[in-house]
Amino acid sequence: MTPMTAEGENPRATAPRAGSARRALVGRLSWGLADQAASSVSNFVVGIYVARSLGVTAFGVFSLAWVTYGVVLNVSRGLATDPLVVRFSGVPDASWRAAVARSTGTALGVGAALGTACLVAGLGLGGRVGPAFAALGVMLPGLLLQDAWRFSFFAAGAGRKAFVNDVVWGVALVPVMVVAAHAGTVAAFVLAWGGSATVAGAYGYVQSGIRPRLAEARGWLREQRDLGYRYLVENVSLSGASQLRAYGLGAIIGVAAVGAVRGAELLMGPFLAVLMGLSLVTVPEAARVLRQAPHRLGAFCLLLGGGQAAGALLWGGALLLMPGRFGELVLGGVWHSASQLIVPITFSVAGAGLGTGAAAGLRALGAARRSLRCQLFASACYVGGGLGGAAAAGTVGSAWGVAAATISGSAVWWLQLRSALRERHRDPIPEVRTS
């Protein structure tokens, strides 16, 4: 007679099921990487095209609009899609669809409200920067809706749909970029980038058959306020720190310094694509690990963070061996200033990758108070290190200051995850909500 486990489970049947679960995990991670590759290729091409077409100063203006978009994007994620991913990953389809309708409606509402503010600010600013910000304001609803579809699909384990959506964005980007190149202005490139995202956002409705319900955004915010508002502050502190650093660099050194930093980030682009691709699925996967094998969550997060840190160091080493003429071919006149930042930005990305593993664990645990504490500390270090380094040693000093800040922040993330895991072991409380 076949021996059974204490729960009455046949151990011979467990291995195939475990193998199937691993294959499913690998499949979801693969679609996350593929999706982010598609998204990052589009962003990389836009960045390179603008850098080569308009020069380092205009590229700095474009970068200011880019980091402003990052702040607004993180507002949307904190209020709309982060609670969705934490509470509606792997739930029944009916619950997921109802949540997605409200979540995407919230993203649209955030885009409309902050887009209006951005448009008014841009019209008031004028000069070089104003038109770029006005164009960004017009495009924000479509940009945020497209991003919301990506996270919605990954919450359902349907990464293939997110990948297809980003491919649609990339294809739509090609003709409008040609038109923007003829116009030759930063605002034209912003409109091209945002307009193609709006096409992909509309296609998300075709893929899902779910209509975003803007009227239910208030209800969504009320229901998710215990997580949403903490994630909002956490996310905005992250992107706001980047924005403050960019504005501070522009004020202390000049707009060209902002372009140099963005150029160095573009050199890290392929690896950042991997890091961001994993980030699309790490919280849903950590939430699944917590449901199915909670004792493995710490090891899962350590493997995730350590792997990303090692990958960043390897990529940075490869960049140092890259011939200068190839860098000039890629970045044009931005290469000379960007190449000086490769080493500190490599350490910065490695630190961020290590911290991402712990952040995924805290999100899966629903430990919003702890993750908020970590992010506020990390953001304060980021701004202080970036601007303090800029005042002391220019653009290179700013990059080293950010590297030190990122590594310090990563240590705090891991200390908080360890405390949260111990706390849960003493008093386990499920945080998952399916309705």
Protein backbone atom coordinates (compact mmCIF):
# COMPACT_ATOMS: atom_id res chain seq x y z
CA MET A 1 0.00 0.00 0.00
CA THR A 2 1.34 3.47 -0.94
CA PRO A 3 2.33 5.48 2.15
CA MET A 4 0.52 8.78 2.60
CA THR A 5 1.56 12.06 4.15
CA ALA A 6 0.02 13.37 7.37
CA GLU A 7 -2.51 15.25 5.28
CA GLY A 8 -3.43 12.18 3.25
CA GLU A 9 -1.41 13.29 0.21
CA ASN A 10 0.39 10.87 -2.04
CA PRO A 11 4.06 11.98 -2.09
CA ARG A 12 4.51 10.59 -5.61
CA ALA A 13 1.86 13.00 -6.80
CA THR A 14 3.48 15.93 -5.01
CA ALA A 15 6.62 16.05 -7.16
CA PRO A 16 4.80 16.41 -10.49
CA ARG A 17 2.60 19.11 -8.98
CA ALA A 18 5.68 20.88 -7.65
CA GLY A 19 7.26 20.60 -11.08
CA SER A 20 4.15 22.05 -12.69
CA ALA A 21 4.15 24.92 -10.21
CA ARG A 22 7.81 25.66 -11.00
CA ARG A 23 7.10 25.60 -14.73
CA ALA A 24 4.17 27.96 -14.22
CA LEU A 25 6.39 30.29 -12.16
CA VAL A 26 9.08 30.27 -14.84
CA GLY A 27 6.45 30.97 -17.47
CA ARG A 28 5.08 33.97 -15.59
CA LEU A 29 8.58 35.33 -14.95
CA SER A 30 9.44 34.85 -18.62
CA TRP A 31 6.42 36.85 -19.74
CA GLY A 32 7.37 39.55 -17.24
CA LEU A 33 10.84 39.78 -18.75
CA ALA A 34 9.46 39.71 -22.30
CA ASP A 35 6.95 42.44 -21.51
CA GLN A 36 9.52 44.69 -19.89
CA ALA A 37 11.90 44.06 -22.77
CA ALA A 38 9.25 45.32 -25.18
CA SER A 39 8.53 48.34 -22.98
CA SER A 40 12.18 49.16 -22.36
CA VAL A 41 13.14 48.83 -26.01
CA SER A 42 10.53 51.48 -26.80
CA ASN A 43 11.77 53.76 -24.02
CA PHE A 44 15.40 53.15 -24.96
CA VAL A 45 14.76 53.99 -28.60
CA VAL A 46 12.90 57.16 -27.66
CA GLY A 47 15.70 58.24 -25.32
CA ILE A 48 18.47 57.53 -27.83
CA TYR A 49 16.54 59.19 -30.64
CA VAL A 50 15.94 62.35 -28.63
CA ALA A 51 19.55 62.43 -27.36
CA ARG A 52 20.96 62.14 -30.88
CA SER A 53 18.40 64.44 -32.50
CA LEU A 54 18.28 67.35 -30.05
CA GLY A 55 21.56 67.35 -28.11
CA VAL A 56 22.36 67.22 -24.41
CA THR A 57 20.48 70.38 -23.30
CA ALA A 58 17.19 69.53 -25.06
CA PHE A 59 17.63 65.96 -23.84
CA GLY A 60 17.82 67.41 -20.32
CA VAL A 61 14.44 69.11 -20.88
CA PHE A 62 12.99 65.83 -22.12
CA SER A 63 14.43 64.10 -19.04
CA LEU A 64 12.70 66.59 -16.74
CA ALA A 65 9.37 65.72 -18.37
CA TRP A 66 10.28 62.03 -18.08
CA VAL A 67 10.94 62.13 -14.33
CA THR A 68 7.74 64.15 -13.82
CA TYR A 69 5.85 61.38 -15.61
CA GLY A 70 7.55 58.94 -13.23
CA VAL A 71 6.10 60.79 -10.23
CA VAL A 72 2.59 60.76 -11.67
CA LEU A 73 2.94 57.11 -12.68
CA ASN A 74 3.82 56.18 -9.12
CA VAL A 75 0.81 58.11 -7.80
CA SER A 76 -1.37 56.01 -10.09
CA ARG A 77 0.32 52.77 -9.10
CA GLY A 78 0.06 53.49 -5.40
CA LEU A 79 -3.66 54.28 -5.54
CA ALA A 80 -4.81 52.01 -8.38
CA THR A 81 -2.63 49.04 -9.27
CA ASP A 82 -0.47 48.25 -6.22
CA PRO A 83 -3.51 47.33 -4.07
CA LEU A 84 -4.86 45.37 -7.05
CA VAL A 85 -1.67 43.31 -7.34
CA VAL A 86 -1.43 42.64 -3.60
CA ARG A 87 -5.07 41.68 -3.06
CA PHE A 88 -6.33 40.36 -6.41
CA SER A 89 -3.47 38.22 -7.74
CA GLY A 90 -4.60 34.70 -8.46
CA VAL A 91 -8.19 35.26 -7.30
CA PRO A 92 -11.36 34.04 -9.10
CA ASP A 93 -11.96 35.69 -12.47
CA ALA A 94 -15.14 37.49 -11.43
CA SER A 95 -13.39 39.17 -8.49
CA TRP A 96 -10.44 40.13 -10.68
CA ARG A 97 -12.62 41.66 -13.41
CA ALA A 98 -14.62 43.75 -10.96
CA ALA A 99 -11.45 44.98 -9.30
CA VAL A 100 -9.76 45.77 -12.63
CA ALA A 101 -12.71 47.88 -13.80
CA ARG A 102 -12.39 50.05 -10.70
CA SER A 103 -8.59 50.06 -10.68
CA THR A 104 -8.22 51.14 -14.31
CA GLY A 105 -10.93 53.75 -13.76
CA THR A 106 -8.87 55.10 -10.86
CA ALA A 107 -5.78 55.26 -13.10
CA LEU A 108 -7.74 57.26 -15.68
CA GLY A 109 -8.98 59.64 -12.99
CA VAL A 110 -5.45 60.21 -11.69
CA GLY A 111 -4.26 60.87 -15.24
CA ALA A 112 -7.02 63.38 -15.92
CA ALA A 113 -6.55 65.29 -12.65
CA LEU A 114 -2.76 65.48 -12.65
CA GLY A 115 -2.64 65.89 -16.43
CA THR A 116 -4.75 69.02 -16.12
CA ALA A 117 -2.40 70.39 -13.46
CA CYS A 118 0.62 69.59 -15.65
CA LEU A 119 -0.98 71.26 -18.67
CA VAL A 120 -1.73 74.45 -16.73
CA ALA A 121 1.81 74.51 -15.29
CA GLY A 122 3.32 73.99 -18.72
CA LEU A 123 1.31 76.80 -20.28
CA GLY A 124 2.38 79.08 -17.46
CA LEU A 125 6.07 78.19 -17.64
CA GLY A 126 6.68 78.82 -21.33
CA GLY A 127 10.27 78.83 -22.58
CA ARG A 128 11.95 75.52 -23.36
CA VAL A 129 10.39 73.50 -20.55
CA GLY A 130 6.76 74.70 -20.71
CA PRO A 131 5.67 73.11 -24.03
CA ALA A 132 7.12 69.74 -22.99
CA PHE A 133 5.15 69.77 -19.73
CA ALA A 134 1.95 70.89 -21.48
CA ALA A 135 2.30 68.01 -23.95
CA LEU A 136 2.88 65.59 -21.07
CA GLY A 137 -0.30 66.81 -19.36
CA VAL A 138 -2.38 66.03 -22.44
CA MET A 139 -0.93 62.52 -22.70
CA LEU A 140 -1.03 61.43 -19.05
CA PRO A 141 -4.48 59.70 -19.04
CA GLY A 142 -3.47 57.38 -21.88
CA LEU A 143 -0.03 56.71 -20.40
CA LEU A 144 -1.46 55.75 -17.01
CA LEU A 145 -4.23 53.60 -18.47
CA GLN A 146 -1.70 51.61 -20.52
CA ASP A 147 0.39 50.98 -17.40
CA ALA A 148 -2.68 49.92 -15.43
CA TRP A 149 -3.52 47.25 -18.02
CA ARG A 150 -0.03 45.79 -17.68
CA PHE A 151 -0.33 45.31 -13.93
CA SER A 152 -3.90 44.06 -14.26
CA PHE A 153 -2.83 41.32 -16.65
CA PHE A 154 0.07 40.26 -14.45
CA ALA A 155 -2.22 40.08 -11.42
CA ALA A 156 -4.25 37.52 -13.38
CA GLY A 157 -1.12 35.61 -14.41
CA ALA A 158 -1.73 36.66 -18.04
CA GLY A 159 1.66 38.17 -18.79
CA ARG A 160 1.32 37.36 -22.48
CA LYS A 161 -1.44 39.95 -22.81
CA ALA A 162 0.74 42.60 -21.14
CA PHE A 163 3.53 41.74 -23.59
CA VAL A 164 1.22 42.07 -26.58
CA ASN A 165 -0.03 45.40 -25.28
CA ASP A 166 3.50 46.77 -25.03
CA VAL A 167 4.28 45.48 -28.53
CA VAL A 168 1.26 47.43 -29.80
CA TRP A 169 2.68 50.52 -28.11
CA GLY A 170 6.06 49.98 -29.77
CA VAL A 171 4.57 49.48 -33.22
CA ALA A 172 2.39 52.59 -32.87
CA LEU A 173 5.45 54.54 -31.76
CA VAL A 174 7.36 54.13 -35.04
CA PRO A 175 5.32 56.37 -37.39
CA VAL A 176 4.69 59.11 -34.82
CA MET A 177 8.39 59.26 -33.94
CA VAL A 178 9.14 59.95 -37.61
CA VAL A 179 6.68 62.84 -37.52
CA ALA A 180 8.21 64.13 -34.26
CA ALA A 181 11.68 64.06 -35.80
CA HIS A 182 10.47 66.33 -38.59
CA ALA A 183 9.04 68.75 -36.01
CA GLY A 184 12.32 68.70 -34.10
CA THR A 185 10.99 69.77 -30.68
CA VAL A 186 10.89 68.12 -27.28
CA ALA A 187 7.10 68.61 -27.10
CA ALA A 188 6.66 66.73 -30.38
CA PHE A 189 8.57 63.74 -29.01
CA VAL A 190 6.49 63.79 -25.80
CA LEU A 191 3.27 63.83 -27.84
CA ALA A 192 4.51 60.96 -30.01
CA TRP A 193 5.48 58.86 -27.01
CA GLY A 194 2.24 59.53 -25.13
CA GLY A 195 -0.01 59.22 -28.17
CA SER A 196 1.29 55.75 -29.00
CA ALA A 197 0.75 54.72 -25.36
CA THR A 198 -2.86 55.90 -25.64
CA VAL A 199 -3.34 53.57 -28.62
CA ALA A 200 -2.08 50.67 -26.48
CA GLY A 201 -4.31 51.77 -23.61
CA ALA A 202 -7.36 51.57 -25.88
CA TYR A 203 -6.23 48.15 -27.07
CA GLY A 204 -6.17 46.95 -23.45
CA TYR A 205 -9.96 47.32 -23.42
CA VAL A 206 -10.15 45.13 -26.54
CA GLN A 207 -7.93 42.50 -24.90
CA SER A 208 -9.79 42.32 -21.60
CA GLY A 209 -13.34 43.29 -22.50
CA ILE A 210 -13.36 45.33 -19.27
CA ARG A 211 -14.45 48.95 -19.38
CA PRO A 212 -12.62 51.21 -16.92
CA ARG A 213 -15.17 52.61 -14.49
CA LEU A 214 -14.09 56.13 -13.67
CA ALA A 215 -17.26 56.69 -11.61
CA GLU A 216 -16.21 53.91 -9.20
CA ALA A 217 -12.74 55.33 -8.55
CA ARG A 218 -13.88 56.93 -5.29
CA GLY A 219 -15.22 53.60 -4.05
CA TRP A 220 -11.97 51.86 -4.95
CA LEU A 221 -9.93 54.47 -3.08
CA ARG A 222 -12.16 54.11 -0.03
CA GLU A 223 -11.96 50.29 0.00
CA GLN A 224 -8.20 50.18 -0.50
CA ARG A 225 -7.27 53.15 1.66
CA ASP A 226 -5.42 51.05 4.26
CA LEU A 227 -2.88 50.06 1.58
CA GLY A 228 -3.41 52.62 -1.17
CA TYR A 229 -2.53 55.79 0.70
CA ARG A 230 0.58 54.29 2.26
CA TYR A 231 1.68 52.99 -1.13
CA LEU A 232 0.94 56.41 -2.59
CA VAL A 233 3.29 58.12 -0.14
CA GLU A 234 5.86 55.37 -0.59
CA ASN A 235 5.81 55.52 -4.39
CA VAL A 236 5.75 59.31 -4.58
CA SER A 237 8.66 59.55 -2.19
CA LEU A 238 10.61 57.28 -4.54
CA SER A 239 9.84 59.09 -7.78
CA GLY A 240 9.70 62.47 -6.07
CA ALA A 241 13.24 61.93 -4.86
CA SER A 242 14.35 61.34 -8.45
CA GLN A 243 12.53 64.48 -9.54
CA LEU A 244 14.04 66.59 -6.76
CA ARG A 245 17.46 65.31 -7.62
CA ALA A 246 16.94 66.12 -11.31
CA TYR A 247 15.67 69.63 -10.57
CA GLY A 248 18.47 70.14 -8.05
CA LEU A 249 21.10 69.02 -10.54
CA GLY A 250 19.68 71.46 -13.06
CA ALA A 251 19.86 74.28 -10.53
CA ILE A 252 23.30 73.44 -9.09
CA ILE A 253 25.17 72.35 -12.22
CA GLY A 254 22.90 72.93 -15.23
CA VAL A 255 20.33 71.08 -17.36
CA ALA A 256 23.14 69.32 -19.24
CA ALA A 257 23.95 67.39 -16.03
CA VAL A 258 20.41 65.98 -16.03
CA GLY A 259 20.98 64.77 -19.58
CA ALA A 260 24.30 63.16 -18.57
CA VAL A 261 22.64 61.20 -15.75
CA ARG A 262 19.82 60.10 -18.03
CA GLY A 263 22.37 59.04 -20.64
CA ALA A 264 24.18 56.85 -18.11
CA GLU A 265 20.84 55.33 -17.11
CA LEU A 266 20.21 54.52 -20.77
CA LEU A 267 23.52 52.63 -20.84
CA MET A 268 22.14 50.50 -18.00
CA GLY A 269 18.87 50.21 -19.94
CA PRO A 270 19.04 46.53 -20.96
CA PHE A 271 19.69 45.42 -17.40
CA LEU A 272 17.13 47.85 -16.01
CA ALA A 273 14.68 46.21 -18.41
CA VAL A 274 15.34 42.89 -16.69
CA LEU A 275 14.99 44.46 -13.23
CA MET A 276 11.72 46.21 -14.09
CA GLY A 277 10.42 43.16 -15.91
CA LEU A 278 10.91 41.08 -12.79
CA SER A 279 9.28 43.82 -10.69
CA LEU A 280 6.05 43.33 -12.64
CA VAL A 281 5.72 39.80 -11.34
CA THR A 282 7.69 39.73 -8.09
CA VAL A 283 4.86 40.96 -5.86
CA PRO A 284 2.23 38.61 -7.37
CA GLU A 285 4.70 35.72 -7.13
CA ALA A 286 5.68 36.60 -3.57
CA ALA A 287 1.98 36.71 -2.70
CA ARG A 288 1.57 33.22 -4.20
CA VAL A 289 4.58 31.93 -2.23
CA LEU A 290 3.05 33.41 0.93
CA ARG A 291 -0.23 31.58 0.31
CA GLN A 292 1.29 28.23 -0.68
CA ALA A 293 4.57 27.98 1.28
CA PRO A 294 4.97 30.94 3.66
CA HIS A 295 8.17 29.54 5.19
CA ARG A 296 9.89 29.98 1.80
CA LEU A 297 9.13 33.69 1.38
CA GLY A 298 12.44 34.90 2.88
CA ALA A 299 14.52 32.59 0.69
CA PHE A 300 12.51 33.58 -2.39
CA CYS A 301 13.14 37.28 -1.74
CA LEU A 302 16.86 36.72 -1.07
CA LEU A 303 17.29 34.78 -4.30
CA LEU A 304 15.41 37.46 -6.18
CA GLY A 305 17.36 40.40 -4.75
CA GLY A 306 20.77 38.72 -4.83
CA GLY A 307 20.33 37.63 -8.43
CA GLN A 308 19.42 41.14 -9.54
CA ALA A 309 22.38 42.70 -7.71
CA ALA A 310 24.81 40.22 -9.27
CA GLY A 311 23.35 40.85 -12.72
CA ALA A 312 23.76 44.61 -12.33
CA LEU A 313 27.43 44.25 -11.40
CA LEU A 314 28.06 42.00 -14.41
CA TRP A 315 26.34 44.42 -16.78
CA GLY A 316 28.25 47.39 -15.39
CA GLY A 317 31.51 45.49 -15.85
CA ALA A 318 30.60 44.82 -19.47
CA LEU A 319 29.92 48.54 -20.02
CA LEU A 320 33.39 49.43 -18.74
CA LEU A 321 34.89 47.16 -21.41
CA MET A 322 32.78 48.70 -24.19
CA PRO A 323 34.81 50.67 -26.79
CA GLY A 324 34.30 54.43 -26.64
CA ARG A 325 33.41 54.66 -30.31
CA PHE A 326 30.45 52.34 -29.75
CA GLY A 327 29.23 54.57 -26.92
CA GLU A 328 29.49 57.61 -29.17
CA LEU A 329 27.51 55.75 -31.83
CA VAL A 330 24.74 55.08 -29.31
CA LEU A 331 24.57 58.36 -27.38
CA GLY A 332 26.31 60.84 -29.66
CA GLY A 333 27.46 63.93 -27.79
CA VAL A 334 25.95 62.68 -24.50
CA TRP A 335 28.46 59.78 -24.33
CA HIS A 336 31.47 61.70 -22.97
CA SER A 337 29.68 62.97 -19.85
CA ALA A 338 27.58 59.81 -19.35
CA SER A 339 30.55 57.42 -19.52
CA GLN A 340 32.07 58.99 -16.39
CA LEU A 341 29.05 57.83 -14.38
CA ILE A 342 29.07 54.12 -15.28
CA VAL A 343 30.74 52.84 -12.09
CA PRO A 344 28.62 54.72 -9.51
CA ILE A 345 25.40 54.05 -11.41
CA THR A 346 26.27 50.34 -11.56
CA PHE A 347 26.58 50.23 -7.75
CA SER A 348 23.37 52.22 -7.45
CA VAL A 349 21.42 49.78 -9.63
CA ALA A 350 22.94 46.79 -7.81
CA GLY A 351 21.81 48.24 -4.49
CA ALA A 352 18.33 48.88 -5.86
CA GLY A 353 18.12 45.32 -7.20
CA LEU A 354 19.08 43.87 -3.83
CA GLY A 355 16.46 45.97 -2.08
CA THR A 356 13.76 44.98 -4.58
CA GLY A 357 13.73 41.45 -3.20
CA ALA A 358 12.94 42.66 0.31
CA ALA A 359 10.40 45.18 -1.00
CA ALA A 360 8.50 42.40 -2.79
CA GLY A 361 8.31 40.43 0.44
CA LEU A 362 6.97 43.40 2.42
CA ARG A 363 4.37 44.11 -0.27
CA ALA A 364 3.23 40.48 -0.29
CA LEU A 365 2.90 40.56 3.49
CA GLY A 366 0.79 43.71 3.21
CA ALA A 367 3.23 45.38 5.62
CA ALA A 368 2.52 48.82 4.20
CA ARG A 369 3.65 50.66 7.32
CA ARG A 370 7.07 49.01 7.25
CA SER A 371 7.56 49.47 3.52
CA LEU A 372 6.55 53.12 3.81
CA ARG A 373 9.12 53.62 6.56
CA CYS A 374 11.81 52.04 4.37
CA GLN A 375 10.95 54.10 1.33
CA LEU A 376 10.89 57.39 3.19
CA PHE A 377 14.34 56.66 4.60
CA ALA A 378 15.71 55.58 1.23
CA SER A 379 14.24 58.61 -0.55
CA ALA A 380 15.68 61.04 1.99
CA CYS A 381 19.11 59.44 1.56
CA TYR A 382 18.73 59.57 -2.23
CA VAL A 383 18.00 63.30 -2.31
CA GLY A 384 20.60 64.12 0.30
CA GLY A 385 23.29 62.00 -1.33
CA GLY A 386 22.48 63.16 -4.85
CA LEU A 387 22.38 66.88 -4.13
CA GLY A 388 25.10 66.84 -1.49
CA GLY A 389 27.38 65.00 -3.89
CA ALA A 390 26.52 67.47 -6.65
CA ALA A 391 27.45 70.43 -4.47
CA ALA A 392 30.71 68.77 -3.42
CA ALA A 393 31.92 67.18 -6.65
CA GLY A 394 29.58 67.94 -9.54
CA THR A 395 27.75 65.31 -11.59
CA VAL A 396 30.13 62.47 -10.66
CA GLY A 397 29.81 63.33 -6.97
CA SER A 398 26.03 63.22 -7.29
CA ALA A 399 26.19 59.75 -8.83
CA TRP A 400 28.39 58.43 -6.01
CA GLY A 401 26.12 60.02 -3.42
CA VAL A 402 23.14 58.22 -4.92
CA ALA A 403 25.04 54.91 -4.97
CA ALA A 404 25.83 55.18 -1.26
CA ALA A 405 22.23 56.14 -0.51
CA THR A 406 20.79 53.22 -2.49
CA ILE A 407 22.98 50.64 -0.76
CA SER A 408 22.08 52.06 2.66
CA GLY A 409 18.40 51.99 1.78
CA SER A 410 18.65 48.36 0.68
CA ALA A 411 20.04 47.39 4.10
CA VAL A 412 17.02 49.01 5.78
CA TRP A 413 14.59 47.15 3.47
CA TRP A 414 16.11 43.81 4.51
CA LEU A 415 16.08 44.64 8.22
CA GLN A 416 12.38 45.49 7.98
CA LEU A 417 11.57 42.31 6.04
CA ARG A 418 13.32 40.21 8.68
CA SER A 419 11.28 41.90 11.41
CA ALA A 420 8.05 41.46 9.46
CA LEU A 421 8.67 37.75 8.90
CA ARG A 422 9.36 37.24 12.61
CA GLU A 423 6.22 39.18 13.49
CA ARG A 424 4.10 37.09 11.12
CA HIS A 425 5.55 33.88 12.54
CA ARG A 426 4.37 34.96 15.99
CA ASP A 427 0.95 36.22 14.88
CA PRO A 428 -0.01 35.14 11.33
CA ILE A 429 -2.83 37.29 9.91
CA PRO A 430 -3.88 36.79 6.28
CA GLU A 431 -3.82 40.05 4.27
CA VAL A 432 -5.31 38.72 1.04
CA ARG A 433 -8.71 40.03 0.00
CA THR A 434 -10.68 38.55 -2.89
CA SER A 435 -13.77 40.69 -3.03
